[in-house]
Amino acid sequence: MDNSAYLDLGIDFNEIKCHADYKDIWKRFHPVAVQMIEKNEECLHKLSDAFVYNHHYDKPAGICSALHHVLQLYIWRASIGFPSWEQERSLYMVHCPDKKGTVWEVKRAS
């Protein structure tokens, strides 16, 4: 099997022996910034609303549960620097679950 086809996260999972080791790995994950860039229908969020996920298990105060659910698919990817399908590979454009709803920019925070 060709190992060059795999993304190397630099994590040796054999080294995780306890909860403290697991928590040390979290230090490699970056916060993720989320901002609404388009609003097409009614939504409790406003254009330019922004949230920061300090880690992918986070749920920022004020974010609706439906949007949070969708974002969970992309937060960890942005956090570890996994490339997106967008032209700007560090940026994800994510649509809320409403068929016309909102569009959110998801990117690794500096």
PDB file of N, CA and C in Angstrom:
ATOM      1  N   MET A   1       0.844  -1.176   0.000  1.00  0.00           N
ATOM      2  CA  MET A   1       0.000   0.000   0.000  1.00  0.00           C
ATOM      3  C   MET A   1       0.888   1.239   0.000  1.00  0.00           C
ATOM      4  N   ASP A   2       0.556   2.232  -0.826  1.00  0.00           N
ATOM      5  CA  ASP A   2       1.328   3.459  -0.959  1.00  0.00           C
ATOM      6  C   ASP A   2       0.939   4.444   0.142  1.00  0.00           C
ATOM      7  N   ASN A   3       1.831   4.668   1.113  1.00  0.00           N
ATOM      8  CA  ASN A   3       1.548   5.568   2.229  1.00  0.00           C
ATOM      9  C   ASN A   3       1.498   7.030   1.821  1.00  0.00           C
ATOM     10  N   SER A   4       2.016   7.384   0.644  1.00  0.00           N
ATOM     11  CA  SER A   4       1.984   8.782   0.220  1.00  0.00           C
ATOM     12  C   SER A   4       0.561   9.250  -0.081  1.00  0.00           C
ATOM     13  N   ALA A   5      -0.370   8.333  -0.197  1.00  0.00           N
ATOM     14  CA  ALA A   5      -1.759   8.693  -0.461  1.00  0.00           C
ATOM     15  C   ALA A   5      -2.499   9.119   0.807  1.00  0.00           C
ATOM     16  N   TYR A   6      -1.862   9.000   1.967  1.00  0.00           N
ATOM     17  CA  TYR A   6      -2.509   9.318   3.234  1.00  0.00           C
ATOM     18  C   TYR A   6      -2.046  10.660   3.773  1.00  0.00           C
ATOM     19  N   LEU A   7      -2.945  11.356   4.432  1.00  0.00           N
ATOM     20  CA  LEU A   7      -2.610  12.612   5.088  1.00  0.00           C
ATOM     21  C   LEU A   7      -1.944  12.304   6.420  1.00  0.00           C
ATOM     22  N   ASP A   8      -0.754  12.784   6.615  1.00  0.00           N
ATOM     23  CA  ASP A   8      -0.020  12.559   7.862  1.00  0.00           C
ATOM     24  C   ASP A   8      -0.319  13.687   8.827  1.00  0.00           C
ATOM     25  N   LEU A   9      -1.029  13.375   9.905  1.00  0.00           N
ATOM     26  CA  LEU A   9      -1.370  14.375  10.910  1.00  0.00           C
ATOM     27  C   LEU A   9      -0.274  14.535  11.952  1.00  0.00           C
ATOM     28  N   GLY A  10       0.775  13.747  11.837  1.00  0.00           N
ATOM     29  CA  GLY A  10       1.860  13.837  12.801  1.00  0.00           C
ATOM     30  C   GLY A  10       1.464  13.343  14.180  1.00  0.00           C
ATOM     31  N   ILE A  11       0.515  12.438  14.235  1.00  0.00           N
ATOM     32  CA  ILE A  11       0.047  11.898  15.507  1.00  0.00           C
ATOM     33  C   ILE A  11       0.336  10.404  15.539  1.00  0.00           C
ATOM     34  N   ASP A  12       1.063   9.980  16.535  1.00  0.00           N
ATOM     35  CA  ASP A  12       1.291   8.554  16.733  1.00  0.00           C
ATOM     36  C   ASP A  12       0.293   8.076  17.784  1.00  0.00           C
ATOM     37  N   PHE A  13      -0.775   7.455  17.340  1.00  0.00           N
ATOM     38  CA  PHE A  13      -1.841   7.045  18.254  1.00  0.00           C
ATOM     39  C   PHE A  13      -1.388   5.980  19.247  1.00  0.00           C
ATOM     40  N   ASN A  14      -0.265   5.320  18.963  1.00  0.00           N
ATOM     41  CA  ASN A  14       0.288   4.352  19.911  1.00  0.00           C
ATOM     42  C   ASN A  14       0.864   5.035  21.150  1.00  0.00           C
ATOM     43  N   GLU A  15       1.140   6.325  21.040  1.00  0.00           N
ATOM     44  CA  GLU A  15       1.710   7.074  22.164  1.00  0.00           C
ATOM     45  C   GLU A  15       0.638   7.548  23.153  1.00  0.00           C
ATOM     46  N   ILE A  16      -0.626   7.393  22.803  1.00  0.00           N
ATOM     47  CA  ILE A  16      -1.702   7.824  23.701  1.00  0.00           C
ATOM     48  C   ILE A  16      -1.957   6.720  24.718  1.00  0.00           C
ATOM     49  N   LYS A  17      -1.495   6.955  25.931  1.00  0.00           N
ATOM     50  CA  LYS A  17      -1.621   5.960  27.005  1.00  0.00           C
ATOM     51  C   LYS A  17      -2.602   6.391  28.092  1.00  0.00           C
ATOM     52  N   CYS A  18      -2.914   7.688  28.139  1.00  0.00           N
ATOM     53  CA  CYS A  18      -3.799   8.184  29.197  1.00  0.00           C
ATOM     54  C   CYS A  18      -4.495   9.451  28.698  1.00  0.00           C
ATOM     55  N   HIS A  19      -5.385   9.967  29.525  1.00  0.00           N
ATOM     56  CA  HIS A  19      -6.148  11.160  29.152  1.00  0.00           C
ATOM     57  C   HIS A  19      -5.228  12.364  28.944  1.00  0.00           C
ATOM     58  N   ALA A  20      -4.180  12.488  29.735  1.00  0.00           N
ATOM     59  CA  ALA A  20      -3.249  13.612  29.588  1.00  0.00           C
ATOM     60  C   ALA A  20      -2.576  13.581  28.209  1.00  0.00           C
ATOM     61  N   ASP A  21      -2.216  12.380  27.731  1.00  0.00           N
ATOM     62  CA  ASP A  21      -1.631  12.252  26.391  1.00  0.00           C
ATOM     63  C   ASP A  21      -2.628  12.702  25.327  1.00  0.00           C
ATOM     64  N   TYR A  22      -3.873  12.306  25.505  1.00  0.00           N
ATOM     65  CA  TYR A  22      -4.943  12.695  24.586  1.00  0.00           C
ATOM     66  C   TYR A  22      -5.093  14.215  24.571  1.00  0.00           C
ATOM     67  N   LYS A  23      -5.103  14.835  25.738  1.00  0.00           N
ATOM     68  CA  LYS A  23      -5.247  16.291  25.837  1.00  0.00           C
ATOM     69  C   LYS A  23      -4.062  17.005  25.176  1.00  0.00           C
ATOM     70  N   ASP A  24      -2.863  16.420  25.240  1.00  0.00           N
ATOM     71  CA  ASP A  24      -1.705  17.023  24.585  1.00  0.00           C
ATOM     72  C   ASP A  24      -1.895  17.102  23.078  1.00  0.00           C
ATOM     73  N   ILE A  25      -2.559  16.116  22.509  1.00  0.00           N
ATOM     74  CA  ILE A  25      -2.828  16.131  21.068  1.00  0.00           C
ATOM     75  C   ILE A  25      -3.735  17.298  20.705  1.00  0.00           C
ATOM     76  N   TRP A  26      -4.665  17.627  21.588  1.00  0.00           N
ATOM     77  CA  TRP A  26      -5.589  18.739  21.333  1.00  0.00           C
ATOM     78  C   TRP A  26      -4.850  20.056  21.141  1.00  0.00           C
ATOM     79  N   LYS A  27      -3.663  20.180  21.707  1.00  0.00           N
ATOM     80  CA  LYS A  27      -2.897  21.421  21.574  1.00  0.00           C
ATOM     81  C   LYS A  27      -2.477  21.664  20.128  1.00  0.00           C
ATOM     82  N   ARG A  28      -2.496  20.643  19.292  1.00  0.00           N
ATOM     83  CA  ARG A  28      -2.136  20.780  17.882  1.00  0.00           C
ATOM     84  C   ARG A  28      -3.300  21.270  17.017  1.00  0.00           C
ATOM     85  N   PHE A  29      -4.509  21.174  17.551  1.00  0.00           N
ATOM     86  CA  PHE A  29      -5.681  21.610  16.809  1.00  0.00           C
ATOM     87  C   PHE A  29      -5.845  23.122  16.976  1.00  0.00           C
ATOM     88  N   HIS A  30      -6.245  23.783  15.927  1.00  0.00           N
ATOM     89  CA  HIS A  30      -6.396  25.236  15.945  1.00  0.00           C
ATOM     90  C   HIS A  30      -7.858  25.624  16.093  1.00  0.00           C
ATOM     91  N   PRO A  31      -8.126  26.805  16.664  1.00  0.00           N
ATOM     92  CA  PRO A  31      -9.498  27.311  16.673  1.00  0.00           C
ATOM     93  C   PRO A  31      -9.969  27.541  15.234  1.00  0.00           C
ATOM     94  N   VAL A  32     -11.277  27.557  15.051  1.00  0.00           N
ATOM     95  CA  VAL A  32     -11.867  27.745  13.728  1.00  0.00           C
ATOM     96  C   VAL A  32     -12.860  28.896  13.780  1.00  0.00           C
ATOM     97  N   ALA A  33     -12.737  29.804  12.816  1.00  0.00           N
ATOM     98  CA  ALA A  33     -13.634  30.954  12.713  1.00  0.00           C
ATOM     99  C   ALA A  33     -14.729  30.656  11.694  1.00  0.00           C
ATOM    100  N   VAL A  34     -15.951  31.016  12.059  1.00  0.00           N
ATOM    101  CA  VAL A  34     -17.117  30.798  11.201  1.00  0.00           C
ATOM    102  C   VAL A  34     -17.839  32.135  11.069  1.00  0.00           C
ATOM    103  N   GLN A  35     -18.165  32.518   9.821  1.00  0.00           N
ATOM    104  CA  GLN A  35     -18.867  33.793   9.621  1.00  0.00           C
ATOM    105  C   GLN A  35     -19.907  33.653   8.517  1.00  0.00           C
ATOM    106  N   MET A  36     -21.108  34.229   8.770  1.00  0.00           N
ATOM    107  CA  MET A  36     -22.139  34.221   7.736  1.00  0.00           C
ATOM    108  C   MET A  36     -21.777  35.239   6.663  1.00  0.00           C
ATOM    109  N   ILE A  37     -21.774  34.783   5.404  1.00  0.00           N
ATOM    110  CA  ILE A  37     -21.437  35.678   4.299  1.00  0.00           C
ATOM    111  C   ILE A  37     -22.603  35.891   3.336  1.00  0.00           C
ATOM    112  N   GLU A  38     -23.672  35.102   3.510  1.00  0.00           N
ATOM    113  CA  GLU A  38     -24.828  35.236   2.628  1.00  0.00           C
ATOM    114  C   GLU A  38     -26.078  34.812   3.387  1.00  0.00           C
ATOM    115  N   LYS A  39     -27.150  35.599   3.226  1.00  0.00           N
ATOM    116  CA  LYS A  39     -28.424  35.271   3.880  1.00  0.00           C
ATOM    117  C   LYS A  39     -29.531  35.399   2.837  1.00  0.00           C
ATOM    118  N   ASN A  40     -30.279  34.293   2.619  1.00  0.00           N
ATOM    119  CA  ASN A  40     -31.279  34.253   1.562  1.00  0.00           C
ATOM    120  C   ASN A  40     -32.716  34.177   2.067  1.00  0.00           C
ATOM    121  N   GLU A  41     -32.919  33.810   3.287  1.00  0.00           N
ATOM    122  CA  GLU A  41     -34.260  33.712   3.878  1.00  0.00           C
ATOM    123  C   GLU A  41     -34.185  34.137   5.329  1.00  0.00           C
ATOM    124  N   GLU A  42     -35.320  33.972   6.016  1.00  0.00           N
ATOM    125  CA  GLU A  42     -35.341  34.278   7.443  1.00  0.00           C
ATOM    126  C   GLU A  42     -34.408  33.335   8.193  1.00  0.00           C
ATOM    127  N   CYS A  43     -33.744  33.889   9.185  1.00  0.00           N
ATOM    128  CA  CYS A  43     -32.807  33.122  10.000  1.00  0.00           C
ATOM    129  C   CYS A  43     -32.574  33.930  11.270  1.00  0.00           C
ATOM    130  N   LEU A  44     -32.393  33.261  12.382  1.00  0.00           N
ATOM    131  CA  LEU A  44     -32.141  34.004  13.617  1.00  0.00           C
ATOM    132  C   LEU A  44     -30.778  34.675  13.601  1.00  0.00           C
ATOM    133  N   HIS A  45     -29.872  34.206  12.745  1.00  0.00           N
ATOM    134  CA  HIS A  45     -28.552  34.823  12.628  1.00  0.00           C
ATOM    135  C   HIS A  45     -28.616  35.988  11.653  1.00  0.00           C
ATOM    136  N   LYS A  46     -27.691  36.911  11.831  1.00  0.00           N
ATOM    137  CA  LYS A  46     -27.622  38.088  10.967  1.00  0.00           C
ATOM    138  C   LYS A  46     -26.382  37.991  10.075  1.00  0.00           C
ATOM    139  N   LEU A  47     -26.453  38.631   8.918  1.00  0.00           N
ATOM    140  CA  LEU A  47     -25.316  38.699   8.022  1.00  0.00           C
ATOM    141  C   LEU A  47     -24.107  39.234   8.788  1.00  0.00           C
ATOM    142  N   SER A  48     -22.981  38.625   8.613  1.00  0.00           N
ATOM    143  CA  SER A  48     -21.715  38.944   9.291  1.00  0.00           C
ATOM    144  C   SER A  48     -21.614  38.388  10.710  1.00  0.00           C
ATOM    145  N   ASP A  49     -22.653  37.662  11.194  1.00  0.00           N
ATOM    146  CA  ASP A  49     -22.500  36.996  12.487  1.00  0.00           C
ATOM    147  C   ASP A  49     -21.276  36.096  12.411  1.00  0.00           C
ATOM    148  N   ALA A  50     -20.539  36.041  13.499  1.00  0.00           N
ATOM    149  CA  ALA A  50     -19.314  35.244  13.519  1.00  0.00           C
ATOM    150  C   ALA A  50     -19.205  34.495  14.846  1.00  0.00           C
ATOM    151  N   PHE A  51     -18.625  33.316  14.777  1.00  0.00           N
ATOM    152  CA  PHE A  51     -18.415  32.471  15.946  1.00  0.00           C
ATOM    153  C   PHE A  51     -17.016  31.874  15.857  1.00  0.00           C
ATOM    154  N   VAL A  52     -16.469  31.516  17.008  1.00  0.00           N
ATOM    155  CA  VAL A  52     -15.181  30.834  17.040  1.00  0.00           C
ATOM    156  C   VAL A  52     -15.363  29.512  17.769  1.00  0.00           C
ATOM    157  N   TYR A  53     -14.941  28.453  17.119  1.00  0.00           N
ATOM    158  CA  TYR A  53     -14.894  27.127  17.737  1.00  0.00           C
ATOM    159  C   TYR A  53     -13.472  26.958  18.278  1.00  0.00           C
ATOM    160  N   ASN A  54     -13.339  26.865  19.584  1.00  0.00           N
ATOM    161  CA  ASN A  54     -12.012  26.666  20.170  1.00  0.00           C
ATOM    162  C   ASN A  54     -11.511  25.257  19.925  1.00  0.00           C
ATOM    163  N   HIS A  55     -12.412  24.323  19.780  1.00  0.00           N
ATOM    164  CA  HIS A  55     -12.118  22.955  19.364  1.00  0.00           C
ATOM    165  C   HIS A  55     -13.392  22.385  18.766  1.00  0.00           C
ATOM    166  N   HIS A  56     -13.294  21.261  18.060  1.00  0.00           N
ATOM    167  CA  HIS A  56     -14.451  20.793  17.298  1.00  0.00           C
ATOM    168  C   HIS A  56     -15.574  20.216  18.148  1.00  0.00           C
ATOM    169  N   TYR A  57     -15.374  20.011  19.445  1.00  0.00           N
ATOM    170  CA  TYR A  57     -16.474  19.606  20.313  1.00  0.00           C
ATOM    171  C   TYR A  57     -17.206  20.813  20.881  1.00  0.00           C
ATOM    172  N   ASP A  58     -16.686  21.965  20.645  1.00  0.00           N
ATOM    173  CA  ASP A  58     -17.234  23.215  21.141  1.00  0.00           C
ATOM    174  C   ASP A  58     -18.589  23.496  20.494  1.00  0.00           C
ATOM    175  N   LYS A  59     -19.449  24.233  21.184  1.00  0.00           N
ATOM    176  CA  LYS A  59     -20.645  24.807  20.568  1.00  0.00           C
ATOM    177  C   LYS A  59     -20.722  26.241  21.062  1.00  0.00           C
ATOM    178  N   PRO A  60     -20.322  27.188  20.211  1.00  0.00           N
ATOM    179  CA  PRO A  60     -20.328  28.582  20.640  1.00  0.00           C
ATOM    180  C   PRO A  60     -21.729  29.039  21.065  1.00  0.00           C
ATOM    181  N   ALA A  61     -21.769  29.876  22.080  1.00  0.00           N
ATOM    182  CA  ALA A  61     -23.044  30.418  22.568  1.00  0.00           C
ATOM    183  C   ALA A  61     -23.730  31.188  21.446  1.00  0.00           C
ATOM    184  N   GLY A  62     -25.019  30.956  21.288  1.00  0.00           N
ATOM    185  CA  GLY A  62     -25.817  31.699  20.320  1.00  0.00           C
ATOM    186  C   GLY A  62     -25.962  31.056  18.960  1.00  0.00           C
ATOM    187  N   ILE A  63     -25.203  30.022  18.668  1.00  0.00           N
ATOM    188  CA  ILE A  63     -25.307  29.378  17.357  1.00  0.00           C
ATOM    189  C   ILE A  63     -26.476  28.392  17.385  1.00  0.00           C
ATOM    190  N   CYS A  64     -27.277  28.382  16.329  1.00  0.00           N
ATOM    191  CA  CYS A  64     -28.439  27.481  16.322  1.00  0.00           C
ATOM    192  C   CYS A  64     -27.982  26.026  16.162  1.00  0.00           C
ATOM    193  N   SER A  65     -28.768  25.140  16.702  1.00  0.00           N
ATOM    194  CA  SER A  65     -28.398  23.714  16.711  1.00  0.00           C
ATOM    195  C   SER A  65     -28.314  23.112  15.309  1.00  0.00           C
ATOM    196  N   ALA A  66     -29.185  23.536  14.407  1.00  0.00           N
ATOM    197  CA  ALA A  66     -29.164  22.983  13.045  1.00  0.00           C
ATOM    198  C   ALA A  66     -27.867  23.363  12.327  1.00  0.00           C
ATOM    199  N   LEU A  67     -27.472  24.618  12.434  1.00  0.00           N
ATOM    200  CA  LEU A  67     -26.223  25.052  11.810  1.00  0.00           C
ATOM    201  C   LEU A  67     -25.033  24.365  12.474  1.00  0.00           C
ATOM    202  N   HIS A  68     -25.043  24.299  13.784  1.00  0.00           N
ATOM    203  CA  HIS A  68     -23.958  23.637  14.517  1.00  0.00           C
ATOM    204  C   HIS A  68     -23.780  22.192  14.034  1.00  0.00           C
ATOM    205  N   HIS A  69     -24.883  21.513  13.825  1.00  0.00           N
ATOM    206  CA  HIS A  69     -24.833  20.124  13.362  1.00  0.00           C
ATOM    207  C   HIS A  69     -24.116  20.033  12.013  1.00  0.00           C
ATOM    208  N   VAL A  70     -24.462  20.905  11.085  1.00  0.00           N
ATOM    209  CA  VAL A  70     -23.830  20.894   9.760  1.00  0.00           C
ATOM    210  C   VAL A  70     -22.352  21.267   9.868  1.00  0.00           C
ATOM    211  N   LEU A  71     -22.042  22.269  10.665  1.00  0.00           N
ATOM    212  CA  LEU A  71     -20.657  22.720  10.786  1.00  0.00           C
ATOM    213  C   LEU A  71     -19.746  21.659  11.382  1.00  0.00           C
ATOM    214  N   GLN A  72     -20.287  20.775  12.205  1.00  0.00           N
ATOM    215  CA  GLN A  72     -19.476  19.738  12.826  1.00  0.00           C
ATOM    216  C   GLN A  72     -18.741  18.883  11.795  1.00  0.00           C
ATOM    217  N   LEU A  73     -19.280  18.796  10.607  1.00  0.00           N
ATOM    218  CA  LEU A  73     -18.635  18.019   9.550  1.00  0.00           C
ATOM    219  C   LEU A  73     -17.355  18.684   9.040  1.00  0.00           C
ATOM    220  N   TYR A  74     -17.221  19.983   9.262  1.00  0.00           N
ATOM    221  CA  TYR A  74     -16.115  20.742   8.682  1.00  0.00           C
ATOM    222  C   TYR A  74     -15.190  21.378   9.709  1.00  0.00           C
ATOM    223  N   ILE A  75     -15.636  21.548  10.939  1.00  0.00           N
ATOM    224  CA  ILE A  75     -14.828  22.212  11.960  1.00  0.00           C
ATOM    225  C   ILE A  75     -13.503  21.486  12.172  1.00  0.00           C
ATOM    226  N   TRP A  76     -13.550  20.177  12.352  1.00  0.00           N
ATOM    227  CA  TRP A  76     -12.295  19.449  12.606  1.00  0.00           C
ATOM    228  C   TRP A  76     -11.386  19.501  11.392  1.00  0.00           C
ATOM    229  N   ARG A  77     -11.955  19.492  10.194  1.00  0.00           N
ATOM    230  CA  ARG A  77     -11.126  19.556   8.989  1.00  0.00           C
ATOM    231  C   ARG A  77     -10.357  20.874   8.926  1.00  0.00           C
ATOM    232  N   ALA A  78     -11.079  21.968   9.154  1.00  0.00           N
ATOM    233  CA  ALA A  78     -10.429  23.283   9.145  1.00  0.00           C
ATOM    234  C   ALA A  78      -9.406  23.375  10.274  1.00  0.00           C
ATOM    235  N   SER A  79      -9.717  22.803  11.417  1.00  0.00           N
ATOM    236  CA  SER A  79      -8.838  22.856  12.584  1.00  0.00           C
ATOM    237  C   SER A  79      -7.476  22.222  12.333  1.00  0.00           C
ATOM    238  N   ILE A  80      -7.454  21.121  11.599  1.00  0.00           N
ATOM    239  CA  ILE A  80      -6.180  20.432  11.337  1.00  0.00           C
ATOM    240  C   ILE A  80      -5.545  20.858  10.013  1.00  0.00           C
ATOM    241  N   GLY A  81      -6.222  21.740   9.272  1.00  0.00           N
ATOM    242  CA  GLY A  81      -5.665  22.220   8.016  1.00  0.00           C
ATOM    243  C   GLY A  81      -5.928  21.321   6.825  1.00  0.00           C
ATOM    244  N   PHE A  82      -6.945  20.462   6.926  1.00  0.00           N
ATOM    245  CA  PHE A  82      -7.304  19.576   5.823  1.00  0.00           C
ATOM    246  C   PHE A  82      -7.830  20.432   4.665  1.00  0.00           C
ATOM    247  N   PRO A  83      -7.323  20.255   3.455  1.00  0.00           N
ATOM    248  CA  PRO A  83      -7.713  21.128   2.344  1.00  0.00           C
ATOM    249  C   PRO A  83      -9.170  20.943   1.916  1.00  0.00           C
ATOM    250  N   SER A  84      -9.800  22.056   1.582  1.00  0.00           N
ATOM    251  CA  SER A  84     -11.189  22.017   1.115  1.00  0.00           C
ATOM    252  C   SER A  84     -11.221  21.866  -0.401  1.00  0.00           C
ATOM    253  N   TRP A  85     -12.395  21.808  -0.945  1.00  0.00           N
ATOM    254  CA  TRP A  85     -12.622  21.689  -2.380  1.00  0.00           C
ATOM    255  C   TRP A  85     -12.670  23.062  -3.050  1.00  0.00           C
ATOM    256  N   GLU A  86     -12.649  24.135  -2.251  1.00  0.00           N
ATOM    257  CA  GLU A  86     -12.727  25.491  -2.790  1.00  0.00           C
ATOM    258  C   GLU A  86     -11.406  25.879  -3.457  1.00  0.00           C
ATOM    259  N   GLN A  87     -11.447  26.927  -4.278  1.00  0.00           N
ATOM    260  CA  GLN A  87     -10.222  27.418  -4.908  1.00  0.00           C
ATOM    261  C   GLN A  87      -9.209  27.809  -3.835  1.00  0.00           C
ATOM    262  N   GLU A  88      -9.676  28.506  -2.806  1.00  0.00           N
ATOM    263  CA  GLU A  88      -8.825  28.790  -1.652  1.00  0.00           C
ATOM    264  C   GLU A  88      -8.919  27.578  -0.739  1.00  0.00           C
ATOM    265  N   ARG A  89      -7.929  26.707  -0.775  1.00  0.00           N
ATOM    266  CA  ARG A  89      -7.980  25.384  -0.149  1.00  0.00           C
ATOM    267  C   ARG A  89      -8.123  25.404   1.375  1.00  0.00           C
ATOM    268  N   SER A  90      -7.878  26.551   2.022  1.00  0.00           N
ATOM    269  CA  SER A  90      -7.992  26.631   3.477  1.00  0.00           C
ATOM    270  C   SER A  90      -9.371  27.122   3.918  1.00  0.00           C
ATOM    271  N   LEU A  91     -10.266  27.311   2.975  1.00  0.00           N
ATOM    272  CA  LEU A  91     -11.574  27.889   3.244  1.00  0.00           C
ATOM    273  C   LEU A  91     -12.685  26.927   2.837  1.00  0.00           C
ATOM    274  N   TYR A  92     -13.656  26.743   3.718  1.00  0.00           N
ATOM    275  CA  TYR A  92     -14.844  25.949   3.395  1.00  0.00           C
ATOM    276  C   TYR A  92     -16.037  26.889   3.319  1.00  0.00           C
ATOM    277  N   MET A  93     -16.862  26.732   2.312  1.00  0.00           N
ATOM    278  CA  MET A  93     -18.121  27.463   2.195  1.00  0.00           C
ATOM    279  C   MET A  93     -19.211  26.458   2.483  1.00  0.00           C
ATOM    280  N   VAL A  94     -19.981  26.688   3.545  1.00  0.00           N
ATOM    281  CA  VAL A  94     -20.941  25.706   4.021  1.00  0.00           C
ATOM    282  C   VAL A  94     -22.330  26.337   4.075  1.00  0.00           C
ATOM    283  N   HIS A  95     -23.309  25.618   3.559  1.00  0.00           N
ATOM    284  CA  HIS A  95     -24.698  26.061   3.538  1.00  0.00           C
ATOM    285  C   HIS A  95     -25.425  25.491   4.742  1.00  0.00           C
ATOM    286  N   CYS A  96     -26.264  26.310   5.367  1.00  0.00           N
ATOM    287  CA  CYS A  96     -27.058  25.798   6.490  1.00  0.00           C
ATOM    288  C   CYS A  96     -28.068  24.781   5.960  1.00  0.00           C
ATOM    289  N   PRO A  97     -28.738  24.030   6.832  1.00  0.00           N
ATOM    290  CA  PRO A  97     -29.630  22.975   6.347  1.00  0.00           C
ATOM    291  C   PRO A  97     -30.894  23.469   5.647  1.00  0.00           C
ATOM    292  N   ASP A  98     -31.265  24.728   5.821  1.00  0.00           N
ATOM    293  CA  ASP A  98     -32.431  25.272   5.120  1.00  0.00           C
ATOM    294  C   ASP A  98     -32.102  25.342   3.629  1.00  0.00           C
ATOM    295  N   LYS A  99     -33.036  24.957   2.769  1.00  0.00           N
ATOM    296  CA  LYS A  99     -32.715  24.865   1.337  1.00  0.00           C
ATOM    297  C   LYS A  99     -32.317  26.196   0.699  1.00  0.00           C
ATOM    298  N   LYS A 100     -32.747  27.327   1.260  1.00  0.00           N
ATOM    299  CA  LYS A 100     -32.335  28.630   0.730  1.00  0.00           C
ATOM    300  C   LYS A 100     -31.575  29.452   1.760  1.00  0.00           C
ATOM    301  N   GLY A 101     -31.492  29.006   2.952  1.00  0.00           N
ATOM    302  CA  GLY A 101     -30.945  29.691   4.118  1.00  0.00           C
ATOM    303  C   GLY A 101     -29.697  30.537   3.988  1.00  0.00           C
ATOM    304  N   THR A 102     -28.647  30.165   4.672  1.00  0.00           N
ATOM    305  CA  THR A 102     -27.459  30.995   4.802  1.00  0.00           C
ATOM    306  C   THR A 102     -26.218  30.247   4.332  1.00  0.00           C
ATOM    307  N   VAL A 103     -25.188  31.030   3.995  1.00  0.00           N
ATOM    308  CA  VAL A 103     -23.896  30.457   3.621  1.00  0.00           C
ATOM    309  C   VAL A 103     -22.873  30.972   4.626  1.00  0.00           C
ATOM    310  N   TRP A 104     -22.031  30.058   5.087  1.00  0.00           N
ATOM    311  CA  TRP A 104     -21.044  30.358   6.115  1.00  0.00           C
ATOM    312  C   TRP A 104     -19.644  30.054   5.621  1.00  0.00           C
ATOM    313  N   GLU A 105     -18.723  30.948   5.945  1.00  0.00           N
ATOM    314  CA  GLU A 105     -17.307  30.753   5.652  1.00  0.00           C
ATOM    315  C   GLU A 105     -16.684  30.099   6.891  1.00  0.00           C
ATOM    316  N   VAL A 106     -15.986  29.008   6.676  1.00  0.00           N
ATOM    317  CA  VAL A 106     -15.344  28.255   7.767  1.00  0.00           C
ATOM    318  C   VAL A 106     -13.853  28.203   7.459  1.00  0.00           C
ATOM    319  N   LYS A 107     -13.037  28.704   8.401  1.00  0.00           N
ATOM    320  CA  LYS A 107     -11.584  28.662   8.183  1.00  0.00           C
ATOM    321  C   LYS A 107     -10.845  28.608   9.513  1.00  0.00           C
ATOM    322  N   ARG A 108      -9.667  28.086   9.439  1.00  0.00           N
ATOM    323  CA  ARG A 108      -8.787  27.992  10.602  1.00  0.00           C
ATOM    324  C   ARG A 108      -8.474  29.403  11.090  1.00  0.00           C
ATOM    325  N   ALA A 109      -8.651  29.631  12.383  1.00  0.00           N
ATOM    326  CA  ALA A 109      -8.345  30.937  12.956  1.00  0.00           C
ATOM    327  C   ALA A 109      -6.842  31.088  13.127  1.00  0.00           C
ATOM    328  N   SER A 110      -6.355  32.290  13.005  1.00  0.00           N
ATOM    329  CA  SER A 110      -4.910  32.528  13.142  1.00  0.00           C
ATOM    330  C   SER A 110      -4.488  32.470  14.599  1.00  0.00           C
TER     331      SER A 110
END
